[in-house]
Amino acid sequence: MVFIYVLFGIYLLAVNFYGILLMSAQKKARTETDEKGVSDARVFVAAFLGGTLGVYLYMLIKKWRLTSLHLVVFLPLVFALNVYLIYMAISYRFGFAMPMV
């Protein structure tokens, strides 16, 4: 069971890192040219998959896209949803029925 928790932790780190890379690629594309580069839909997909913390921290630290209303408002809501789903997954042991010892 510990192996599943470790894999889940690695997954969350990887998705957060991917979200950070998406935001940095978006910033780089928009500062070099007028093209959009990475769409906001890809950022939201990474956020829904568990990378909300990485995306939001990148926004706050680099002061990037803070005027974007849908990112500033909806990312904390998605973060709350992620925290709830992670809590439920851990409390129900990811759906595995194991005897209580």
PDB file of N, CA and C in Angstrom:
ATOM      1  N   MET A   1       0.820  -1.200   0.000  1.00  0.00           N
ATOM      2  CA  MET A   1       0.000   0.000   0.000  1.00  0.00           C
ATOM      3  C   MET A   1       0.861   1.261   0.000  1.00  0.00           C
ATOM      4  N   VAL A   2       2.013   1.194   0.643  1.00  0.00           N
ATOM      5  CA  VAL A   2       2.909   2.346   0.680  1.00  0.00           C
ATOM      6  C   VAL A   2       3.393   2.670  -0.735  1.00  0.00           C
ATOM      7  N   PHE A   3       3.573   1.625  -1.545  1.00  0.00           N
ATOM      8  CA  PHE A   3       4.018   1.812  -2.921  1.00  0.00           C
ATOM      9  C   PHE A   3       3.022   2.676  -3.706  1.00  0.00           C
ATOM     10  N   ILE A   4       1.744   2.486  -3.477  1.00  0.00           N
ATOM     11  CA  ILE A   4       0.715   3.273  -4.175  1.00  0.00           C
ATOM     12  C   ILE A   4       0.778   4.730  -3.736  1.00  0.00           C
ATOM     13  N   TYR A   5       1.000   4.966  -2.446  1.00  0.00           N
ATOM     14  CA  TYR A   5       1.123   6.341  -1.969  1.00  0.00           C
ATOM     15  C   TYR A   5       2.346   7.025  -2.567  1.00  0.00           C
ATOM     16  N   VAL A   6       3.446   6.293  -2.677  1.00  0.00           N
ATOM     17  CA  VAL A   6       4.655   6.863  -3.268  1.00  0.00           C
ATOM     18  C   VAL A   6       4.418   7.176  -4.742  1.00  0.00           C
ATOM     19  N   LEU A   7       3.791   6.260  -5.474  1.00  0.00           N
ATOM     20  CA  LEU A   7       3.477   6.517  -6.883  1.00  0.00           C
ATOM     21  C   LEU A   7       2.554   7.715  -7.044  1.00  0.00           C
ATOM     22  N   PHE A   8       1.579   7.835  -6.156  1.00  0.00           N
ATOM     23  CA  PHE A   8       0.658   8.967  -6.221  1.00  0.00           C
ATOM     24  C   PHE A   8       1.390  10.278  -5.943  1.00  0.00           C
ATOM     25  N   GLY A   9       2.309  10.272  -4.993  1.00  0.00           N
ATOM     26  CA  GLY A   9       3.106  11.467  -4.711  1.00  0.00           C
ATOM     27  C   GLY A   9       3.984  11.855  -5.886  1.00  0.00           C
ATOM     28  N   ILE A  10       4.592  10.871  -6.536  1.00  0.00           N
ATOM     29  CA  ILE A  10       5.411  11.147  -7.719  1.00  0.00           C
ATOM     30  C   ILE A  10       4.549  11.692  -8.850  1.00  0.00           C
ATOM     31  N   TYR A  11       3.354  11.127  -9.000  1.00  0.00           N
ATOM     32  CA  TYR A  11       2.419  11.616 -10.019  1.00  0.00           C
ATOM     33  C   TYR A  11       2.072  13.084  -9.770  1.00  0.00           C
ATOM     34  N   LEU A  12       1.754  13.434  -8.521  1.00  0.00           N
ATOM     35  CA  LEU A  12       1.402  14.821  -8.216  1.00  0.00           C
ATOM     36  C   LEU A  12       2.573  15.764  -8.463  1.00  0.00           C
ATOM     37  N   LEU A  13       3.777  15.344  -8.111  1.00  0.00           N
ATOM     38  CA  LEU A  13       4.954  16.175  -8.388  1.00  0.00           C
ATOM     39  C   LEU A  13       5.153  16.362  -9.885  1.00  0.00           C
ATOM     40  N   ALA A  14       4.975  15.289 -10.654  1.00  0.00           N
ATOM     41  CA  ALA A  14       5.166  15.368 -12.104  1.00  0.00           C
ATOM     42  C   ALA A  14       4.120  16.283 -12.752  1.00  0.00           C
ATOM     43  N   VAL A  15       2.881  16.183 -12.320  1.00  0.00           N
ATOM     44  CA  VAL A  15       1.821  17.023 -12.911  1.00  0.00           C
ATOM     45  C   VAL A  15       2.037  18.486 -12.538  1.00  0.00           C
ATOM     46  N   ASN A  16       2.464  18.753 -11.318  1.00  0.00           N
ATOM     47  CA  ASN A  16       2.756  20.135 -10.927  1.00  0.00           C
ATOM     48  C   ASN A  16       3.934  20.695 -11.720  1.00  0.00           C
ATOM     49  N   PHE A  17       4.958  19.882 -11.924  1.00  0.00           N
ATOM     50  CA  PHE A  17       6.103  20.316 -12.719  1.00  0.00           C
ATOM     51  C   PHE A  17       5.679  20.580 -14.161  1.00  0.00           C
ATOM     52  N   TYR A  18       4.805  19.733 -14.700  1.00  0.00           N
ATOM     53  CA  TYR A  18       4.289  19.939 -16.055  1.00  0.00           C
ATOM     54  C   TYR A  18       3.495  21.248 -16.140  1.00  0.00           C
ATOM     55  N   GLY A  19       2.707  21.539 -15.119  1.00  0.00           N
ATOM     56  CA  GLY A  19       1.970  22.802 -15.094  1.00  0.00           C
ATOM     57  C   GLY A  19       2.897  24.000 -15.065  1.00  0.00           C
ATOM     58  N   ILE A  20       3.978  23.900 -14.306  1.00  0.00           N
ATOM     59  CA  ILE A  20       4.966  24.982 -14.260  1.00  0.00           C
ATOM     60  C   ILE A  20       5.621  25.152 -15.623  1.00  0.00           C
ATOM     61  N   LEU A  21       5.951  24.034 -16.270  1.00  0.00           N
ATOM     62  CA  LEU A  21       6.550  24.118 -17.608  1.00  0.00           C
ATOM     63  C   LEU A  21       5.578  24.730 -18.617  1.00  0.00           C
ATOM     64  N   LEU A  22       4.306  24.392 -18.516  1.00  0.00           N
ATOM     65  CA  LEU A  22       3.320  24.987 -19.416  1.00  0.00           C
ATOM     66  C   LEU A  22       3.228  26.496 -19.228  1.00  0.00           C
ATOM     67  N   MET A  23       3.193  26.925 -17.983  1.00  0.00           N
ATOM     68  CA  MET A  23       3.092  28.363 -17.727  1.00  0.00           C
ATOM     69  C   MET A  23       4.349  29.102 -18.185  1.00  0.00           C
ATOM     70  N   SER A  24       5.523  28.514 -17.984  1.00  0.00           N
ATOM     71  CA  SER A  24       6.748  29.180 -18.439  1.00  0.00           C
ATOM     72  C   SER A  24       6.822  29.208 -19.959  1.00  0.00           C
ATOM     73  N   ALA A  25       6.356  28.149 -20.625  1.00  0.00           N
ATOM     74  CA  ALA A  25       6.333  28.152 -22.086  1.00  0.00           C
ATOM     75  C   ALA A  25       5.336  29.183 -22.606  1.00  0.00           C
ATOM     76  N   GLN A  26       4.216  29.328 -21.910  1.00  0.00           N
ATOM     77  CA  GLN A  26       3.223  30.322 -22.305  1.00  0.00           C
ATOM     78  C   GLN A  26       3.786  31.730 -22.146  1.00  0.00           C
ATOM     79  N   LYS A  27       4.481  31.963 -21.064  1.00  0.00           N
ATOM     80  CA  LYS A  27       5.064  33.287 -20.835  1.00  0.00           C
ATOM     81  C   LYS A  27       6.142  33.585 -21.867  1.00  0.00           C
ATOM     82  N   LYS A  28       6.971  32.601 -22.159  1.00  0.00           N
ATOM     83  CA  LYS A  28       8.047  32.793 -23.129  1.00  0.00           C
ATOM     84  C   LYS A  28       7.482  33.060 -24.522  1.00  0.00           C
ATOM     85  N   ALA A  29       6.444  32.320 -24.906  1.00  0.00           N
ATOM     86  CA  ALA A  29       5.847  32.508 -26.233  1.00  0.00           C
ATOM     87  C   ALA A  29       5.178  33.868 -26.353  1.00  0.00           C
ATOM     88  N   ARG A  30       4.552  34.325 -25.302  1.00  0.00           N
ATOM     89  CA  ARG A  30       3.844  35.610 -25.384  1.00  0.00           C
ATOM     90  C   ARG A  30       4.781  36.798 -25.284  1.00  0.00           C
ATOM     91  N   THR A  31       5.938  36.648 -24.637  1.00  0.00           N
ATOM     92  CA  THR A  31       6.858  37.778 -24.561  1.00  0.00           C
ATOM     93  C   THR A  31       7.711  37.891 -25.816  1.00  0.00           C
ATOM     94  N   GLU A  32       7.980  36.766 -26.501  1.00  0.00           N
ATOM     95  CA  GLU A  32       8.799  36.824 -27.703  1.00  0.00           C
ATOM     96  C   GLU A  32       7.989  37.240 -28.924  1.00  0.00           C
ATOM     97  N   THR A  33       6.788  36.719 -29.059  1.00  0.00           N
ATOM     98  CA  THR A  33       5.955  37.031 -30.216  1.00  0.00           C
ATOM     99  C   THR A  33       4.536  37.336 -29.735  1.00  0.00           C
ATOM    100  N   ASP A  34       3.691  37.658 -30.676  1.00  0.00           N
ATOM    101  CA  ASP A  34       2.292  37.904 -30.343  1.00  0.00           C
ATOM    102  C   ASP A  34       1.464  36.633 -30.406  1.00  0.00           C
ATOM    103  N   GLU A  35       2.096  35.503 -30.718  1.00  0.00           N
ATOM    104  CA  GLU A  35       1.366  34.246 -30.778  1.00  0.00           C
ATOM    105  C   GLU A  35       1.008  33.775 -29.378  1.00  0.00           C
ATOM    106  N   LYS A  36      -0.002  32.949 -29.318  1.00  0.00           N
ATOM    107  CA  LYS A  36      -0.469  32.484 -28.017  1.00  0.00           C
ATOM    108  C   LYS A  36       0.426  31.397 -27.437  1.00  0.00           C
ATOM    109  N   GLY A  37       0.967  30.529 -28.275  1.00  0.00           N
ATOM    110  CA  GLY A  37       1.842  29.468 -27.778  1.00  0.00           C
ATOM    111  C   GLY A  37       1.050  28.349 -27.134  1.00  0.00           C
ATOM    112  N   VAL A  38       0.982  28.334 -25.819  1.00  0.00           N
ATOM    113  CA  VAL A  38       0.254  27.314 -25.068  1.00  0.00           C
ATOM    114  C   VAL A  38      -1.121  27.869 -24.725  1.00  0.00           C
ATOM    115  N   SER A  39      -2.141  27.107 -25.043  1.00  0.00           N
ATOM    116  CA  SER A  39      -3.495  27.589 -24.777  1.00  0.00           C
ATOM    117  C   SER A  39      -3.844  27.433 -23.296  1.00  0.00           C
ATOM    118  N   ASP A  40      -4.820  28.210 -22.877  1.00  0.00           N
ATOM    119  CA  ASP A  40      -5.280  28.125 -21.491  1.00  0.00           C
ATOM    120  C   ASP A  40      -5.967  26.796 -21.212  1.00  0.00           C
ATOM    121  N   ALA A  41      -6.494  26.167 -22.251  1.00  0.00           N
ATOM    122  CA  ALA A  41      -7.141  24.870 -22.065  1.00  0.00           C
ATOM    123  C   ALA A  41      -6.139  23.823 -21.589  1.00  0.00           C
ATOM    124  N   ARG A  42      -4.936  23.858 -22.122  1.00  0.00           N
ATOM    125  CA  ARG A  42      -3.909  22.905 -21.672  1.00  0.00           C
ATOM    126  C   ARG A  42      -3.514  23.174 -20.216  1.00  0.00           C
ATOM    127  N   VAL A  43      -3.485  24.439 -19.844  1.00  0.00           N
ATOM    128  CA  VAL A  43      -3.170  24.788 -18.455  1.00  0.00           C
ATOM    129  C   VAL A  43      -4.267  24.281 -17.525  1.00  0.00           C
ATOM    130  N   PHE A  44      -5.532  24.435 -17.945  1.00  0.00           N
ATOM    131  CA  PHE A  44      -6.634  23.953 -17.113  1.00  0.00           C
ATOM    132  C   PHE A  44      -6.658  22.432 -17.022  1.00  0.00           C
ATOM    133  N   VAL A  45      -6.297  21.745 -18.093  1.00  0.00           N
ATOM    134  CA  VAL A  45      -6.235  20.282 -18.034  1.00  0.00           C
ATOM    135  C   VAL A  45      -5.172  19.846 -17.043  1.00  0.00           C
ATOM    136  N   ALA A  46      -4.008  20.484 -17.089  1.00  0.00           N
ATOM    137  CA  ALA A  46      -2.958  20.163 -16.123  1.00  0.00           C
ATOM    138  C   ALA A  46      -3.414  20.479 -14.704  1.00  0.00           C
ATOM    139  N   ALA A  47      -4.172  21.548 -14.535  1.00  0.00           N
ATOM    140  CA  ALA A  47      -4.671  21.915 -13.214  1.00  0.00           C
ATOM    141  C   ALA A  47      -5.687  20.898 -12.711  1.00  0.00           C
ATOM    142  N   PHE A  48      -6.597  20.471 -13.579  1.00  0.00           N
ATOM    143  CA  PHE A  48      -7.605  19.488 -13.168  1.00  0.00           C
ATOM    144  C   PHE A  48      -6.986  18.140 -12.851  1.00  0.00           C
ATOM    145  N   LEU A  49      -5.873  17.825 -13.484  1.00  0.00           N
ATOM    146  CA  LEU A  49      -5.211  16.541 -13.220  1.00  0.00           C
ATOM    147  C   LEU A  49      -4.381  16.553 -11.943  1.00  0.00           C
ATOM    148  N   GLY A  50      -4.338  17.681 -11.252  1.00  0.00           N
ATOM    149  CA  GLY A  50      -3.650  17.744  -9.974  1.00  0.00           C
ATOM    150  C   GLY A  50      -2.534  18.762  -9.916  1.00  0.00           C
ATOM    151  N   GLY A  51      -2.316  19.512 -10.967  1.00  0.00           N
ATOM    152  CA  GLY A  51      -1.215  20.456 -11.002  1.00  0.00           C
ATOM    153  C   GLY A  51      -1.589  21.878 -10.677  1.00  0.00           C
ATOM    154  N   THR A  52      -2.664  22.069  -9.967  1.00  0.00           N
ATOM    155  CA  THR A  52      -3.142  23.417  -9.663  1.00  0.00           C
ATOM    156  C   THR A  52      -2.145  24.200  -8.820  1.00  0.00           C
ATOM    157  N   LEU A  53      -1.559  23.544  -7.860  1.00  0.00           N
ATOM    158  CA  LEU A  53      -0.632  24.240  -6.959  1.00  0.00           C
ATOM    159  C   LEU A  53       0.569  24.788  -7.720  1.00  0.00           C
ATOM    160  N   GLY A  54       1.118  23.997  -8.622  1.00  0.00           N
ATOM    161  CA  GLY A  54       2.260  24.442  -9.407  1.00  0.00           C
ATOM    162  C   GLY A  54       1.918  25.601 -10.317  1.00  0.00           C
ATOM    163  N   VAL A  55       0.777  25.539 -10.967  1.00  0.00           N
ATOM    164  CA  VAL A  55       0.349  26.607 -11.873  1.00  0.00           C
ATOM    165  C   VAL A  55       0.089  27.888 -11.092  1.00  0.00           C
ATOM    166  N   TYR A  56      -0.605  27.778  -9.980  1.00  0.00           N
ATOM    167  CA  TYR A  56      -0.959  28.970  -9.208  1.00  0.00           C
ATOM    168  C   TYR A  56       0.277  29.598  -8.556  1.00  0.00           C
ATOM    169  N   LEU A  57       1.170  28.774  -8.036  1.00  0.00           N
ATOM    170  CA  LEU A  57       2.399  29.326  -7.456  1.00  0.00           C
ATOM    171  C   LEU A  57       3.259  30.002  -8.511  1.00  0.00           C
ATOM    172  N   TYR A  58       3.315  29.436  -9.707  1.00  0.00           N
ATOM    173  CA  TYR A  58       4.069  30.086 -10.783  1.00  0.00           C
ATOM    174  C   TYR A  58       3.460  31.448 -11.108  1.00  0.00           C
ATOM    175  N   MET A  59       2.131  31.498 -11.147  1.00  0.00           N
ATOM    176  CA  MET A  59       1.474  32.771 -11.428  1.00  0.00           C
ATOM    177  C   MET A  59       1.808  33.810 -10.369  1.00  0.00           C
ATOM    178  N   LEU A  60       1.804  33.408  -9.117  1.00  0.00           N
ATOM    179  CA  LEU A  60       2.053  34.373  -8.044  1.00  0.00           C
ATOM    180  C   LEU A  60       3.525  34.772  -7.954  1.00  0.00           C
ATOM    181  N   ILE A  61       4.428  33.815  -8.113  1.00  0.00           N
ATOM    182  CA  ILE A  61       5.856  34.120  -7.980  1.00  0.00           C
ATOM    183  C   ILE A  61       6.350  34.964  -9.150  1.00  0.00           C
ATOM    184  N   LYS A  62       5.969  34.589 -10.359  1.00  0.00           N
ATOM    185  CA  LYS A  62       6.431  35.318 -11.548  1.00  0.00           C
ATOM    186  C   LYS A  62       5.534  36.493 -11.920  1.00  0.00           C
ATOM    187  N   LYS A  63       4.429  36.674 -11.197  1.00  0.00           N
ATOM    188  CA  LYS A  63       3.469  37.752 -11.472  1.00  0.00           C
ATOM    189  C   LYS A  63       3.013  37.698 -12.934  1.00  0.00           C
ATOM    190  N   TRP A  64       2.621  36.506 -13.355  1.00  0.00           N
ATOM    191  CA  TRP A  64       2.204  36.265 -14.735  1.00  0.00           C
ATOM    192  C   TRP A  64       0.737  35.882 -14.757  1.00  0.00           C
ATOM    193  N   ARG A  65      -0.030  36.522 -15.600  1.00  0.00           N
ATOM    194  CA  ARG A  65      -1.448  36.250 -15.819  1.00  0.00           C
ATOM    195  C   ARG A  65      -2.306  36.534 -14.577  1.00  0.00           C
ATOM    196  N   LEU A  66      -1.896  37.463 -13.768  1.00  0.00           N
ATOM    197  CA  LEU A  66      -2.682  37.802 -12.588  1.00  0.00           C
ATOM    198  C   LEU A  66      -3.907  38.636 -12.928  1.00  0.00           C
ATOM    199  N   THR A  67      -3.962  39.188 -14.125  1.00  0.00           N
ATOM    200  CA  THR A  67      -5.132  39.945 -14.538  1.00  0.00           C
ATOM    201  C   THR A  67      -6.151  39.061 -15.250  1.00  0.00           C
ATOM    202  N   SER A  68      -5.782  37.818 -15.511  1.00  0.00           N
ATOM    203  CA  SER A  68      -6.697  36.882 -16.166  1.00  0.00           C
ATOM    204  C   SER A  68      -7.711  36.386 -15.137  1.00  0.00           C
ATOM    205  N   LEU A  69      -8.940  36.829 -15.277  1.00  0.00           N
ATOM    206  CA  LEU A  69      -9.959  36.553 -14.278  1.00  0.00           C
ATOM    207  C   LEU A  69     -10.260  35.067 -14.142  1.00  0.00           C
ATOM    208  N   HIS A  70     -10.340  34.368 -15.263  1.00  0.00           N
ATOM    209  CA  HIS A  70     -10.695  32.955 -15.160  1.00  0.00           C
ATOM    210  C   HIS A  70      -9.594  32.127 -14.526  1.00  0.00           C
ATOM    211  N   LEU A  71      -8.341  32.538 -14.643  1.00  0.00           N
ATOM    212  CA  LEU A  71      -7.272  31.804 -13.965  1.00  0.00           C
ATOM    213  C   LEU A  71      -7.208  32.155 -12.480  1.00  0.00           C
ATOM    214  N   VAL A  72      -7.354  33.425 -12.156  1.00  0.00           N
ATOM    215  CA  VAL A  72      -7.242  33.853 -10.760  1.00  0.00           C
ATOM    216  C   VAL A  72      -8.416  33.367  -9.921  1.00  0.00           C
ATOM    217  N   VAL A  73      -9.606  33.278 -10.519  1.00  0.00           N
ATOM    218  CA  VAL A  73     -10.789  32.873  -9.765  1.00  0.00           C
ATOM    219  C   VAL A  73     -10.957  31.359  -9.747  1.00  0.00           C
ATOM    220  N   PHE A  74     -10.810  30.730 -10.894  1.00  0.00           N
ATOM    221  CA  PHE A  74     -11.130  29.304 -10.977  1.00  0.00           C
ATOM    222  C   PHE A  74     -10.021  28.386 -10.492  1.00  0.00           C
ATOM    223  N   LEU A  75      -8.769  28.811 -10.547  1.00  0.00           N
ATOM    224  CA  LEU A  75      -7.698  27.929 -10.075  1.00  0.00           C
ATOM    225  C   LEU A  75      -7.797  27.630  -8.576  1.00  0.00           C
ATOM    226  N   PRO A  76      -8.121  28.587  -7.706  1.00  0.00           N
ATOM    227  CA  PRO A  76      -8.323  28.198  -6.303  1.00  0.00           C
ATOM    228  C   PRO A  76      -9.502  27.248  -6.107  1.00  0.00           C
ATOM    229  N   LEU A  77     -10.544  27.393  -6.926  1.00  0.00           N
ATOM    230  CA  LEU A  77     -11.670  26.460  -6.837  1.00  0.00           C
ATOM    231  C   LEU A  77     -11.257  25.059  -7.283  1.00  0.00           C
ATOM    232  N   VAL A  78     -10.469  24.983  -8.336  1.00  0.00           N
ATOM    233  CA  VAL A  78      -9.964  23.692  -8.801  1.00  0.00           C
ATOM    234  C   VAL A  78      -9.018  23.106  -7.767  1.00  0.00           C
ATOM    235  N   PHE A  79      -8.228  23.963  -7.105  1.00  0.00           N
ATOM    236  CA  PHE A  79      -7.333  23.487  -6.056  1.00  0.00           C
ATOM    237  C   PHE A  79      -8.129  22.881  -4.904  1.00  0.00           C
ATOM    238  N   ALA A  80      -9.219  23.536  -4.516  1.00  0.00           N
ATOM    239  CA  ALA A  80     -10.063  22.984  -3.447  1.00  0.00           C
ATOM    240  C   ALA A  80     -10.655  21.646  -3.865  1.00  0.00           C
ATOM    241  N   LEU A  81     -11.068  21.535  -5.117  1.00  0.00           N
ATOM    242  CA  LEU A  81     -11.580  20.266  -5.624  1.00  0.00           C
ATOM    243  C   LEU A  81     -10.495  19.192  -5.617  1.00  0.00           C
ATOM    244  N   ASN A  82      -9.288  19.561  -6.010  1.00  0.00           N
ATOM    245  CA  ASN A  82      -8.172  18.603  -5.988  1.00  0.00           C
ATOM    246  C   ASN A  82      -7.866  18.129  -4.578  1.00  0.00           C
ATOM    247  N   VAL A  83      -7.857  19.039  -3.626  1.00  0.00           N
ATOM    248  CA  VAL A  83      -7.586  18.662  -2.239  1.00  0.00           C
ATOM    249  C   VAL A  83      -8.665  17.710  -1.728  1.00  0.00           C
ATOM    250  N   TYR A  84      -9.911  17.994  -2.065  1.00  0.00           N
ATOM    251  CA  TYR A  84     -11.008  17.120  -1.647  1.00  0.00           C
ATOM    252  C   TYR A  84     -10.877  15.732  -2.260  1.00  0.00           C
ATOM    253  N   LEU A  85     -10.586  15.676  -3.553  1.00  0.00           N
ATOM    254  CA  LEU A  85     -10.461  14.380  -4.224  1.00  0.00           C
ATOM    255  C   LEU A  85      -9.262  13.590  -3.718  1.00  0.00           C
ATOM    256  N   ILE A  86      -8.171  14.277  -3.431  1.00  0.00           N
ATOM    257  CA  ILE A  86      -6.994  13.591  -2.876  1.00  0.00           C
ATOM    258  C   ILE A  86      -7.309  13.061  -1.485  1.00  0.00           C
ATOM    259  N   TYR A  87      -8.007  13.862  -0.685  1.00  0.00           N
ATOM    260  CA  TYR A  87      -8.396  13.409   0.647  1.00  0.00           C
ATOM    261  C   TYR A  87      -9.291  12.172   0.571  1.00  0.00           C
ATOM    262  N   MET A  88     -10.268  12.197  -0.337  1.00  0.00           N
ATOM    263  CA  MET A  88     -11.174  11.062  -0.474  1.00  0.00           C
ATOM    264  C   MET A  88     -10.429   9.821  -0.971  1.00  0.00           C
ATOM    265  N   ALA A  89      -9.505  10.009  -1.898  1.00  0.00           N
ATOM    266  CA  ALA A  89      -8.749   8.868  -2.424  1.00  0.00           C
ATOM    267  C   ALA A  89      -7.891   8.240  -1.338  1.00  0.00           C
ATOM    268  N   ILE A  90      -7.259   9.063  -0.526  1.00  0.00           N
ATOM    269  CA  ILE A  90      -6.398   8.532   0.535  1.00  0.00           C
ATOM    270  C   ILE A  90      -7.237   7.915   1.647  1.00  0.00           C
ATOM    271  N   SER A  91      -8.345   8.558   1.985  1.00  0.00           N
ATOM    272  CA  SER A  91      -9.149   8.018   3.082  1.00  0.00           C
ATOM    273  C   SER A  91      -9.824   6.709   2.703  1.00  0.00           C
ATOM    274  N   TYR A  92     -10.133   6.517   1.424  1.00  0.00           N
ATOM    275  CA  TYR A  92     -10.721   5.251   0.983  1.00  0.00           C
ATOM    276  C   TYR A  92      -9.678   4.296   0.409  1.00  0.00           C
ATOM    277  N   ARG A  93      -8.417   4.607   0.632  1.00  0.00           N
ATOM    278  CA  ARG A  93      -7.284   3.769   0.220  1.00  0.00           C
ATOM    279  C   ARG A  93      -7.315   3.458  -1.264  1.00  0.00           C
ATOM    280  N   PHE A  94      -7.650   4.437  -2.060  1.00  0.00           N
ATOM    281  CA  PHE A  94      -7.665   4.343  -3.523  1.00  0.00           C
ATOM    282  C   PHE A  94      -8.583   3.223  -4.015  1.00  0.00           C
ATOM    283  N   GLY A  95      -9.598   2.876  -3.261  1.00  0.00           N
ATOM    284  CA  GLY A  95     -10.570   1.879  -3.677  1.00  0.00           C
ATOM    285  C   GLY A  95     -10.205   0.452  -3.362  1.00  0.00           C
ATOM    286  N   PHE A  96      -9.056   0.255  -2.724  1.00  0.00           N
ATOM    287  CA  PHE A  96      -8.665  -1.113  -2.353  1.00  0.00           C
ATOM    288  C   PHE A  96      -9.287  -1.469  -1.009  1.00  0.00           C
ATOM    289  N   ALA A  97      -9.913  -2.624  -0.951  1.00  0.00           N
ATOM    290  CA  ALA A  97     -10.505  -3.089   0.293  1.00  0.00           C
ATOM    291  C   ALA A  97      -9.445  -3.878   1.056  1.00  0.00           C
ATOM    292  N   MET A  98      -8.905  -3.247   2.082  1.00  0.00           N
ATOM    293  CA  MET A  98      -7.879  -3.898   2.886  1.00  0.00           C
ATOM    294  C   MET A  98      -8.396  -4.012   4.307  1.00  0.00           C
ATOM    295  N   PRO A  99      -8.133  -5.081   4.963  1.00  0.00           N
ATOM    296  CA  PRO A  99      -8.595  -5.220   6.352  1.00  0.00           C
ATOM    297  C   PRO A  99      -7.891  -4.235   7.283  1.00  0.00           C
ATOM    298  N   MET A 100      -8.632  -3.714   8.201  1.00  0.00           N
ATOM    299  CA  MET A 100      -8.045  -2.815   9.203  1.00  0.00           C
ATOM    300  C   MET A 100      -7.274  -3.643  10.225  1.00  0.00           C
ATOM    301  N   VAL A 101      -6.066  -3.247  10.489  1.00  0.00           N
ATOM    302  CA  VAL A 101      -5.240  -4.001  11.441  1.00  0.00           C
ATOM    303  C   VAL A 101      -5.133  -3.241  12.739  1.00  0.00           C
TER     304      VAL A 101
END
